[in-house]
Amino acid sequence: MNKKIYSLIAAIGFTGLLSAYGQENKAVATVSTTNCLAMCKANMSKKALLLQSITKISKENPIDSTNEMVWIAGGEFSMGTVDYPDAKPVHKVSVKGYWIDEHEVTNAQFASFVKETNYVTIAERPLNPADYPGVPLDKLVPGSAVFVPPTGKVSLDNMQQWWQYVPGANWQHPTGPQSNIVGLDDNPVVQVSYLDAKAYAEWAGKRLPTEAEWEFAARASRPATKYYWGTELKPNGKWQATIFQGTFPNDNTAEDGFAGAAPVKSFPKNPFGIY
């Protein structure tokens, strides 16, 4: 497997991806994803301390296999869309061949990492008052952002109307201390920060795919369309992914069968064999 790129799809924080590549049998992990509120205000000194803790994790690759991965041969495609300002301009991009996991990182997979390394995620760690000047000490409680639908219709100009910081929310308790992941082994892991993803990637011997690699894999050599699967939201009346149905953010009809995240492989795989 020398010099082949390994990639791993993962649910990180609200949504995200995780992976790593092996070169000359040595794993080098890189991660890029959105962090939750617990990390948004952390300064560089805190990041340095956290990175030191990550280096203590064994660099032996417990996952030295392409099992449940898909080889993407690479190629050229038109990346981006005219529908969203941050995705413009549409431009030609070439990607080299790489491996990518067929589905997101699950709770069970992340639990194996935690069990082997005793890793503690960012949302579970005590907060340093120096990183949050002016915030009362009784408010510095580990936690994360949780989607809490408002009781009625609201304007969409302030996401704090539906995202709330919940003390005690973390990957084992996704919506707060009263919740758990019992019976949700196959659900994508959530409430995971950038540094958590980096630590997992290093342990797994994989890395995050680049944005171009992810989009190339999602499109699966198909032409640019409104949705990665085509032009229709519900081809033949069937949902292709779990999304919010109803009136956002207060009324979720869960028409696709899931009010929140769905277990991996709940929806059809794309032509590359990726869910």
C-alpha atoms as a PDB file:
ATOM      1  CA  MET A   1       0.000   0.000   0.000  1.00  0.00           C
ATOM      2  CA  ASN A   2       3.057   2.270  -0.228  1.00  0.00           C
ATOM      3  CA  LYS A   3       2.374   5.817  -1.383  1.00  0.00           C
ATOM      4  CA  LYS A   4      -1.347   5.203  -1.758  1.00  0.00           C
ATOM      5  CA  ILE A   5      -3.637   7.785  -0.262  1.00  0.00           C
ATOM      6  CA  TYR A   6      -6.082   6.625   2.385  1.00  0.00           C
ATOM      7  CA  SER A   7      -9.197   8.639   3.055  1.00  0.00           C
ATOM      8  CA  LEU A   8     -11.920   8.241   5.615  1.00  0.00           C
ATOM      9  CA  ILE A   9     -15.362   9.837   5.603  1.00  0.00           C
ATOM     10  CA  ALA A  10     -16.463  10.945   9.065  1.00  0.00           C
ATOM     11  CA  ALA A  11     -19.117  12.925  10.839  1.00  0.00           C
ATOM     12  CA  ILE A  12     -17.150  15.544  12.726  1.00  0.00           C
ATOM     13  CA  GLY A  13     -18.935  18.168  14.799  1.00  0.00           C
ATOM     14  CA  PHE A  14     -22.050  19.150  12.896  1.00  0.00           C
ATOM     15  CA  THR A  15     -20.801  17.333   9.785  1.00  0.00           C
ATOM     16  CA  GLY A  16     -17.409  16.499   8.436  1.00  0.00           C
ATOM     17  CA  LEU A  17     -14.813  14.120   7.085  1.00  0.00           C
ATOM     18  CA  LEU A  18     -11.791  12.280   8.407  1.00  0.00           C
ATOM     19  CA  SER A  19      -8.891  10.381   6.794  1.00  0.00           C
ATOM     20  CA  ALA A  20      -5.119   9.889   6.480  1.00  0.00           C
ATOM     21  CA  TYR A  21      -2.460   8.743   4.035  1.00  0.00           C
ATOM     22  CA  GLY A  22       0.366   6.248   4.249  1.00  0.00           C
ATOM     23  CA  GLN A  23       3.708   6.903   2.543  1.00  0.00           C
ATOM     24  CA  GLU A  24       6.569   4.426   2.774  1.00  0.00           C
ATOM     25  CA  ASN A  25       4.475   2.648   5.451  1.00  0.00           C
ATOM     26  CA  LYS A  26       4.581   5.747   7.701  1.00  0.00           C
ATOM     27  CA  ALA A  27       1.279   7.434   8.535  1.00  0.00           C
ATOM     28  CA  VAL A  28       1.034  11.204   8.417  1.00  0.00           C
ATOM     29  CA  ALA A  29      -2.298  12.517   9.654  1.00  0.00           C
ATOM     30  CA  THR A  30      -3.933  15.764   8.617  1.00  0.00           C
ATOM     31  CA  VAL A  31      -7.406  16.962   9.478  1.00  0.00           C
ATOM     32  CA  SER A  32      -9.644  19.788   8.373  1.00  0.00           C
ATOM     33  CA  THR A  33     -13.161  20.270   9.778  1.00  0.00           C
ATOM     34  CA  THR A  34     -15.510  22.601  11.605  1.00  0.00           C
ATOM     35  CA  ASN A  35     -15.103  22.849  15.372  1.00  0.00           C
ATOM     36  CA  CYS A  36     -17.885  23.405  17.894  1.00  0.00           C
ATOM     37  CA  LEU A  37     -18.233  26.345  20.262  1.00  0.00           C
ATOM     38  CA  ALA A  38     -15.942  24.827  22.881  1.00  0.00           C
ATOM     39  CA  MET A  39     -12.964  25.460  20.598  1.00  0.00           C
ATOM     40  CA  CYS A  40     -14.017  28.642  18.842  1.00  0.00           C
ATOM     41  CA  LYS A  41     -12.419  30.968  21.384  1.00  0.00           C
ATOM     42  CA  ALA A  42      -9.400  28.868  22.358  1.00  0.00           C
ATOM     43  CA  ASN A  43      -6.049  30.620  21.912  1.00  0.00           C
ATOM     44  CA  MET A  44      -2.834  29.290  20.437  1.00  0.00           C
ATOM     45  CA  SER A  45      -1.349  28.355  23.805  1.00  0.00           C
ATOM     46  CA  LYS A  46      -4.261  26.043  24.479  1.00  0.00           C
ATOM     47  CA  LYS A  47      -3.944  24.489  21.042  1.00  0.00           C
ATOM     48  CA  ALA A  48      -0.271  23.842  21.659  1.00  0.00           C
ATOM     49  CA  LEU A  49      -1.054  21.993  24.882  1.00  0.00           C
ATOM     50  CA  LEU A  50      -3.716  19.914  23.176  1.00  0.00           C
ATOM     51  CA  LEU A  51      -1.385  19.030  20.332  1.00  0.00           C
ATOM     52  CA  GLN A  52       1.159  17.856  22.884  1.00  0.00           C
ATOM     53  CA  SER A  53      -1.420  15.474  24.295  1.00  0.00           C
ATOM     54  CA  ILE A  54      -2.166  14.149  20.821  1.00  0.00           C
ATOM     55  CA  THR A  55       1.481  13.272  20.197  1.00  0.00           C
ATOM     56  CA  LYS A  56       1.289  10.813  23.088  1.00  0.00           C
ATOM     57  CA  ILE A  57      -1.047   8.621  21.072  1.00  0.00           C
ATOM     58  CA  SER A  58       0.652   5.623  19.485  1.00  0.00           C
ATOM     59  CA  LYS A  59       1.658   6.192  15.879  1.00  0.00           C
ATOM     60  CA  GLU A  60       1.335   2.486  15.091  1.00  0.00           C
ATOM     61  CA  ASN A  61      -1.394   1.983  12.506  1.00  0.00           C
ATOM     62  CA  PRO A  62      -4.100  -0.283  13.971  1.00  0.00           C
ATOM     63  CA  ILE A  63      -6.007   0.028  10.698  1.00  0.00           C
ATOM     64  CA  ASP A  64      -3.578  -1.100   8.017  1.00  0.00           C
ATOM     65  CA  SER A  65      -6.162  -2.209   5.517  1.00  0.00           C
ATOM     66  CA  THR A  66      -8.382  -0.937   2.781  1.00  0.00           C
ATOM     67  CA  ASN A  67     -11.286  -2.986   4.126  1.00  0.00           C
ATOM     68  CA  GLU A  68     -14.549  -1.071   3.677  1.00  0.00           C
ATOM     69  CA  MET A  69     -12.723   1.491   1.563  1.00  0.00           C
ATOM     70  CA  VAL A  70     -13.168   2.422  -2.077  1.00  0.00           C
ATOM     71  CA  TRP A  71     -10.363   3.194  -4.512  1.00  0.00           C
ATOM     72  CA  ILE A  72     -10.968   6.426  -6.439  1.00  0.00           C
ATOM     73  CA  ALA A  73      -8.856   6.485  -9.583  1.00  0.00           C
ATOM     74  CA  GLY A  74      -8.775  10.267  -9.722  1.00  0.00           C
ATOM     75  CA  GLY A  75      -9.292  12.562 -12.678  1.00  0.00           C
ATOM     76  CA  GLU A  76     -10.454  16.056 -13.593  1.00  0.00           C
ATOM     77  CA  PHE A  77     -13.795  17.659 -12.796  1.00  0.00           C
ATOM     78  CA  SER A  78     -15.539  21.013 -12.466  1.00  0.00           C
ATOM     79  CA  MET A  79     -15.497  21.883  -8.767  1.00  0.00           C
ATOM     80  CA  GLY A  80     -17.915  24.287  -7.115  1.00  0.00           C
ATOM     81  CA  THR A  81     -21.329  25.682  -7.979  1.00  0.00           C
ATOM     82  CA  VAL A  82     -22.921  28.963  -8.981  1.00  0.00           C
ATOM     83  CA  ASP A  83     -25.669  28.461  -6.381  1.00  0.00           C
ATOM     84  CA  TYR A  84     -23.589  29.559  -3.369  1.00  0.00           C
ATOM     85  CA  PRO A  85     -21.134  32.480  -3.097  1.00  0.00           C
ATOM     86  CA  ASP A  86     -18.545  30.495  -1.142  1.00  0.00           C
ATOM     87  CA  ALA A  87     -18.482  27.797  -3.837  1.00  0.00           C
ATOM     88  CA  LYS A  88     -17.738  30.164  -6.721  1.00  0.00           C
ATOM     89  CA  PRO A  89     -16.182  30.207  -9.223  1.00  0.00           C
ATOM     90  CA  VAL A  90     -16.675  26.833 -10.802  1.00  0.00           C
ATOM     91  CA  HIS A  91     -13.198  25.710 -11.823  1.00  0.00           C
ATOM     92  CA  LYS A  92     -11.376  22.707 -13.214  1.00  0.00           C
ATOM     93  CA  VAL A  93      -9.564  20.589 -10.625  1.00  0.00           C
ATOM     94  CA  SER A  94      -7.478  17.438 -10.998  1.00  0.00           C
ATOM     95  CA  VAL A  95      -7.124  14.869  -8.211  1.00  0.00           C
ATOM     96  CA  LYS A  96      -4.777  11.906  -8.002  1.00  0.00           C
ATOM     97  CA  GLY A  97      -5.966   8.439  -7.045  1.00  0.00           C
ATOM     98  CA  TYR A  98      -6.826   7.797  -3.398  1.00  0.00           C
ATOM     99  CA  TRP A  99      -8.727   5.468  -1.082  1.00  0.00           C
ATOM    100  CA  ILE A 100     -11.810   6.685   0.742  1.00  0.00           C
ATOM    101  CA  ASP A 101     -13.985   4.992   3.361  1.00  0.00           C
ATOM    102  CA  GLU A 102     -17.383   3.908   2.130  1.00  0.00           C
ATOM    103  CA  HIS A 103     -19.217   5.635   5.011  1.00  0.00           C
ATOM    104  CA  GLU A 104     -18.783   8.049   7.908  1.00  0.00           C
ATOM    105  CA  VAL A 105     -16.851   7.169  11.060  1.00  0.00           C
ATOM    106  CA  THR A 106     -19.318   5.521  13.447  1.00  0.00           C
ATOM    107  CA  ASN A 107     -19.771   5.734  17.195  1.00  0.00           C
ATOM    108  CA  ALA A 108     -18.440   2.178  17.459  1.00  0.00           C
ATOM    109  CA  GLN A 109     -15.277   3.036  15.520  1.00  0.00           C
ATOM    110  CA  PHE A 110     -14.626   6.152  17.569  1.00  0.00           C
ATOM    111  CA  ALA A 111     -15.302   4.207  20.765  1.00  0.00           C
ATOM    112  CA  SER A 112     -12.588   1.712  19.785  1.00  0.00           C
ATOM    113  CA  PHE A 113     -10.143   4.597  19.405  1.00  0.00           C
ATOM    114  CA  VAL A 114     -11.072   6.032  22.796  1.00  0.00           C
ATOM    115  CA  LYS A 115     -10.854   2.626  24.484  1.00  0.00           C
ATOM    116  CA  GLU A 116      -7.385   1.942  23.107  1.00  0.00           C
ATOM    117  CA  THR A 117      -5.900   5.398  23.707  1.00  0.00           C
ATOM    118  CA  ASN A 118      -7.927   6.742  26.661  1.00  0.00           C
ATOM    119  CA  TYR A 119      -8.387   9.873  24.579  1.00  0.00           C
ATOM    120  CA  VAL A 120     -10.599  12.631  26.016  1.00  0.00           C
ATOM    121  CA  THR A 121     -12.359  14.838  23.476  1.00  0.00           C
ATOM    122  CA  ILE A 122     -12.311  18.630  23.599  1.00  0.00           C
ATOM    123  CA  ALA A 123     -15.966  18.800  24.675  1.00  0.00           C
ATOM    124  CA  GLU A 124     -15.121  16.667  27.728  1.00  0.00           C
ATOM    125  CA  ARG A 125     -12.082  18.652  28.896  1.00  0.00           C
ATOM    126  CA  PRO A 126     -12.103  21.396  31.557  1.00  0.00           C
ATOM    127  CA  LEU A 127     -12.099  24.919  30.145  1.00  0.00           C
ATOM    128  CA  ASN A 128      -9.188  27.235  30.895  1.00  0.00           C
ATOM    129  CA  PRO A 129     -10.452  30.594  32.252  1.00  0.00           C
ATOM    130  CA  ALA A 130      -7.541  32.325  30.501  1.00  0.00           C
ATOM    131  CA  ASP A 131      -9.087  31.375  27.157  1.00  0.00           C
ATOM    132  CA  TYR A 132     -12.418  32.986  28.069  1.00  0.00           C
ATOM    133  CA  PRO A 133     -11.690  36.366  29.693  1.00  0.00           C
ATOM    134  CA  GLY A 134     -14.716  37.943  31.292  1.00  0.00           C
ATOM    135  CA  VAL A 135     -16.778  34.752  31.396  1.00  0.00           C
ATOM    136  CA  PRO A 136     -17.949  33.814  34.925  1.00  0.00           C
ATOM    137  CA  LEU A 137     -16.257  30.698  36.259  1.00  0.00           C
ATOM    138  CA  ASP A 138     -19.582  28.951  36.843  1.00  0.00           C
ATOM    139  CA  LYS A 139     -20.263  29.209  33.107  1.00  0.00           C
ATOM    140  CA  LEU A 140     -16.989  27.507  32.093  1.00  0.00           C
ATOM    141  CA  VAL A 141     -18.451  24.019  31.907  1.00  0.00           C
ATOM    142  CA  PRO A 142     -17.344  21.512  29.237  1.00  0.00           C
ATOM    143  CA  GLY A 143     -19.972  20.961  26.577  1.00  0.00           C
ATOM    144  CA  SER A 144     -20.837  21.528  22.944  1.00  0.00           C
ATOM    145  CA  ALA A 145     -23.362  23.020  20.545  1.00  0.00           C
ATOM    146  CA  VAL A 146     -26.695  21.218  20.211  1.00  0.00           C
ATOM    147  CA  PHE A 147     -29.504  21.772  17.727  1.00  0.00           C
ATOM    148  CA  VAL A 148     -32.560  22.821  19.745  1.00  0.00           C
ATOM    149  CA  PRO A 149     -35.545  23.726  17.549  1.00  0.00           C
ATOM    150  CA  PRO A 150     -37.411  26.879  18.586  1.00  0.00           C
ATOM    151  CA  THR A 151     -41.077  26.627  19.502  1.00  0.00           C
ATOM    152  CA  GLY A 152     -42.202  28.651  16.502  1.00  0.00           C
ATOM    153  CA  LYS A 153     -41.092  30.271  13.266  1.00  0.00           C
ATOM    154  CA  VAL A 154     -38.065  32.550  13.541  1.00  0.00           C
ATOM    155  CA  SER A 155     -35.996  34.637  11.154  1.00  0.00           C
ATOM    156  CA  LEU A 156     -32.995  32.820   9.745  1.00  0.00           C
ATOM    157  CA  ASP A 157     -30.451  35.559  10.380  1.00  0.00           C
ATOM    158  CA  ASN A 158     -29.266  34.298  13.769  1.00  0.00           C
ATOM    159  CA  MET A 159     -28.357  30.624  14.147  1.00  0.00           C
ATOM    160  CA  GLN A 160     -28.193  30.985  17.929  1.00  0.00           C
ATOM    161  CA  GLN A 161     -31.974  30.726  17.802  1.00  0.00           C
ATOM    162  CA  TRP A 162     -31.564  26.990  17.131  1.00  0.00           C
ATOM    163  CA  TRP A 163     -27.962  26.184  18.115  1.00  0.00           C
ATOM    164  CA  GLN A 164     -27.392  26.239  21.884  1.00  0.00           C
ATOM    165  CA  TYR A 165     -24.319  25.551  23.990  1.00  0.00           C
ATOM    166  CA  VAL A 166     -25.243  22.628  26.239  1.00  0.00           C
ATOM    167  CA  PRO A 167     -23.000  21.732  29.211  1.00  0.00           C
ATOM    168  CA  GLY A 168     -22.242  18.034  29.226  1.00  0.00           C
ATOM    169  CA  ALA A 169     -22.890  17.499  25.522  1.00  0.00           C
ATOM    170  CA  ASN A 170     -20.169  15.382  23.902  1.00  0.00           C
ATOM    171  CA  TRP A 171     -19.750  12.401  21.601  1.00  0.00           C
ATOM    172  CA  GLN A 172     -21.087   9.988  24.230  1.00  0.00           C
ATOM    173  CA  HIS A 173     -23.962  12.335  25.151  1.00  0.00           C
ATOM    174  CA  PRO A 174     -24.770  14.100  21.846  1.00  0.00           C
ATOM    175  CA  THR A 175     -27.593  16.334  23.088  1.00  0.00           C
ATOM    176  CA  GLY A 176     -26.580  16.663  26.740  1.00  0.00           C
ATOM    177  CA  PRO A 177     -26.041  14.596  29.909  1.00  0.00           C
ATOM    178  CA  GLN A 178     -29.490  13.007  29.664  1.00  0.00           C
ATOM    179  CA  SER A 179     -28.686  11.488  26.257  1.00  0.00           C
ATOM    180  CA  ASN A 180     -26.436   8.582  25.273  1.00  0.00           C
ATOM    181  CA  ILE A 181     -25.389   6.513  22.268  1.00  0.00           C
ATOM    182  CA  VAL A 182     -26.625   3.148  23.525  1.00  0.00           C
ATOM    183  CA  GLY A 183     -27.913   1.251  20.511  1.00  0.00           C
ATOM    184  CA  LEU A 184     -26.410   3.813  18.126  1.00  0.00           C
ATOM    185  CA  ASP A 185     -23.170   2.020  17.260  1.00  0.00           C
ATOM    186  CA  ASP A 186     -23.777   2.486  13.532  1.00  0.00           C
ATOM    187  CA  ASN A 187     -24.616   6.183  13.768  1.00  0.00           C
ATOM    188  CA  PRO A 188     -21.978   8.706  12.666  1.00  0.00           C
ATOM    189  CA  VAL A 189     -19.978  10.060  15.594  1.00  0.00           C
ATOM    190  CA  VAL A 190     -20.785  13.710  16.378  1.00  0.00           C
ATOM    191  CA  GLN A 191     -19.634  16.434  18.797  1.00  0.00           C
ATOM    192  CA  VAL A 192     -16.041  15.890  17.651  1.00  0.00           C
ATOM    193  CA  SER A 193     -13.673  18.834  17.203  1.00  0.00           C
ATOM    194  CA  TYR A 194     -10.831  19.454  14.785  1.00  0.00           C
ATOM    195  CA  LEU A 195      -8.219  18.198  17.251  1.00  0.00           C
ATOM    196  CA  ASP A 196     -10.309  15.138  18.097  1.00  0.00           C
ATOM    197  CA  ALA A 197     -10.523  14.329  14.397  1.00  0.00           C
ATOM    198  CA  LYS A 198      -6.763  14.817  14.037  1.00  0.00           C
ATOM    199  CA  ALA A 199      -6.106  12.436  16.911  1.00  0.00           C
ATOM    200  CA  TYR A 200      -8.436   9.801  15.458  1.00  0.00           C
ATOM    201  CA  ALA A 201      -6.853  10.158  12.032  1.00  0.00           C
ATOM    202  CA  GLU A 202      -3.377   9.659  13.454  1.00  0.00           C
ATOM    203  CA  TRP A 203      -4.513   6.564  15.318  1.00  0.00           C
ATOM    204  CA  ALA A 204      -6.233   5.145  12.231  1.00  0.00           C
ATOM    205  CA  GLY A 205      -3.346   5.850   9.872  1.00  0.00           C
ATOM    206  CA  LYS A 206      -5.611   7.886   7.625  1.00  0.00           C
ATOM    207  CA  ARG A 207      -6.349  11.519   6.822  1.00  0.00           C
ATOM    208  CA  LEU A 208      -9.121  13.876   5.857  1.00  0.00           C
ATOM    209  CA  PRO A 209      -9.744  14.012   2.138  1.00  0.00           C
ATOM    210  CA  THR A 210      -9.327  17.449   0.661  1.00  0.00           C
ATOM    211  CA  GLU A 211     -12.450  19.361  -0.308  1.00  0.00           C
ATOM    212  CA  ALA A 212     -11.714  18.532  -3.941  1.00  0.00           C
ATOM    213  CA  GLU A 213     -11.285  14.821  -3.165  1.00  0.00           C
ATOM    214  CA  TRP A 214     -14.538  14.751  -1.228  1.00  0.00           C
ATOM    215  CA  GLU A 215     -16.496  16.505  -3.973  1.00  0.00           C
ATOM    216  CA  PHE A 216     -14.939  14.318  -6.666  1.00  0.00           C
ATOM    217  CA  ALA A 217     -15.927  11.185  -4.725  1.00  0.00           C
ATOM    218  CA  ALA A 218     -19.453  12.485  -4.088  1.00  0.00           C
ATOM    219  CA  ARG A 219     -20.078  13.401  -7.723  1.00  0.00           C
ATOM    220  CA  ALA A 220     -18.759  10.000  -8.846  1.00  0.00           C
ATOM    221  CA  SER A 221     -17.862  11.160 -12.377  1.00  0.00           C
ATOM    222  CA  ARG A 222     -21.345  12.567 -12.963  1.00  0.00           C
ATOM    223  CA  PRO A 223     -21.975  16.040 -14.391  1.00  0.00           C
ATOM    224  CA  ALA A 224     -22.492  18.989 -12.058  1.00  0.00           C
ATOM    225  CA  THR A 225     -26.072  18.981 -10.762  1.00  0.00           C
ATOM    226  CA  LYS A 226     -28.038  20.672  -7.998  1.00  0.00           C
ATOM    227  CA  TYR A 227     -27.666  17.592  -5.799  1.00  0.00           C
ATOM    228  CA  TYR A 228     -24.738  15.220  -5.871  1.00  0.00           C
ATOM    229  CA  TRP A 229     -27.103  12.455  -7.003  1.00  0.00           C
ATOM    230  CA  GLY A 230     -28.808  14.457  -9.756  1.00  0.00           C
ATOM    231  CA  THR A 231     -31.329  17.202 -10.454  1.00  0.00           C
ATOM    232  CA  GLU A 232     -34.312  15.882  -8.482  1.00  0.00           C
ATOM    233  CA  LEU A 233     -34.574  16.139  -4.703  1.00  0.00           C
ATOM    234  CA  LYS A 234     -36.486  12.837  -4.501  1.00  0.00           C
ATOM    235  CA  PRO A 235     -35.852  10.610  -7.528  1.00  0.00           C
ATOM    236  CA  ASN A 236     -38.791   8.220  -7.898  1.00  0.00           C
ATOM    237  CA  GLY A 237     -40.208   9.703  -4.701  1.00  0.00           C
ATOM    238  CA  LYS A 238     -37.335   8.403  -2.543  1.00  0.00           C
ATOM    239  CA  TRP A 239     -35.021  10.401  -0.299  1.00  0.00           C
ATOM    240  CA  GLN A 240     -31.323  10.042  -1.103  1.00  0.00           C
ATOM    241  CA  ALA A 241     -29.977  11.378   2.215  1.00  0.00           C
ATOM    242  CA  THR A 242     -31.284  12.448   5.601  1.00  0.00           C
ATOM    243  CA  ILE A 243     -32.005  16.172   5.635  1.00  0.00           C
ATOM    244  CA  PHE A 244     -34.382  18.509   7.462  1.00  0.00           C
ATOM    245  CA  GLN A 245     -37.907  18.213   6.074  1.00  0.00           C
ATOM    246  CA  GLY A 246     -40.657  20.620   7.018  1.00  0.00           C
ATOM    247  CA  THR A 247     -40.307  24.234   8.142  1.00  0.00           C
ATOM    248  CA  PHE A 248     -36.773  24.957   9.293  1.00  0.00           C
ATOM    249  CA  PRO A 249     -35.812  25.220  12.082  1.00  0.00           C
ATOM    250  CA  ASN A 250     -38.950  24.670  14.187  1.00  0.00           C
ATOM    251  CA  ASP A 251     -40.929  21.897  12.487  1.00  0.00           C
ATOM    252  CA  ASN A 252     -39.089  18.776  11.352  1.00  0.00           C
ATOM    253  CA  THR A 253     -41.490  16.283   9.809  1.00  0.00           C
ATOM    254  CA  ALA A 254     -38.754  13.600   9.599  1.00  0.00           C
ATOM    255  CA  GLU A 255     -40.315  12.385   6.362  1.00  0.00           C
ATOM    256  CA  ASP A 256     -37.155  10.430   5.537  1.00  0.00           C
ATOM    257  CA  GLY A 257     -37.573   8.421   8.731  1.00  0.00           C
ATOM    258  CA  PHE A 258     -34.924  10.185  10.806  1.00  0.00           C
ATOM    259  CA  ALA A 259     -35.326  13.263  12.994  1.00  0.00           C
ATOM    260  CA  GLY A 260     -31.546  13.481  13.356  1.00  0.00           C
ATOM    261  CA  ALA A 261     -28.551  11.593  12.024  1.00  0.00           C
ATOM    262  CA  ALA A 262     -29.227   8.291  10.315  1.00  0.00           C
ATOM    263  CA  PRO A 263     -27.180   5.099  10.727  1.00  0.00           C
ATOM    264  CA  VAL A 264     -24.540   4.671   8.039  1.00  0.00           C
ATOM    265  CA  LYS A 265     -25.691   2.961   4.854  1.00  0.00           C
ATOM    266  CA  SER A 266     -29.293   4.032   5.433  1.00  0.00           C
ATOM    267  CA  PHE A 267     -29.503   5.557   1.961  1.00  0.00           C
ATOM    268  CA  PRO A 268     -28.328   4.412  -1.490  1.00  0.00           C
ATOM    269  CA  LYS A 269     -24.612   4.382  -2.281  1.00  0.00           C
ATOM    270  CA  ASN A 270     -23.363   6.387  -5.236  1.00  0.00           C
ATOM    271  CA  PRO A 271     -21.852   4.892  -8.419  1.00  0.00           C
ATOM    272  CA  PHE A 272     -18.432   4.753  -6.721  1.00  0.00           C
ATOM    273  CA  GLY A 273     -19.889   2.615  -3.932  1.00  0.00           C
ATOM    274  CA  ILE A 274     -19.782   5.375  -1.282  1.00  0.00           C
ATOM    275  CA  TYR A 275     -22.605   6.129   1.152  1.00  0.00           C
END
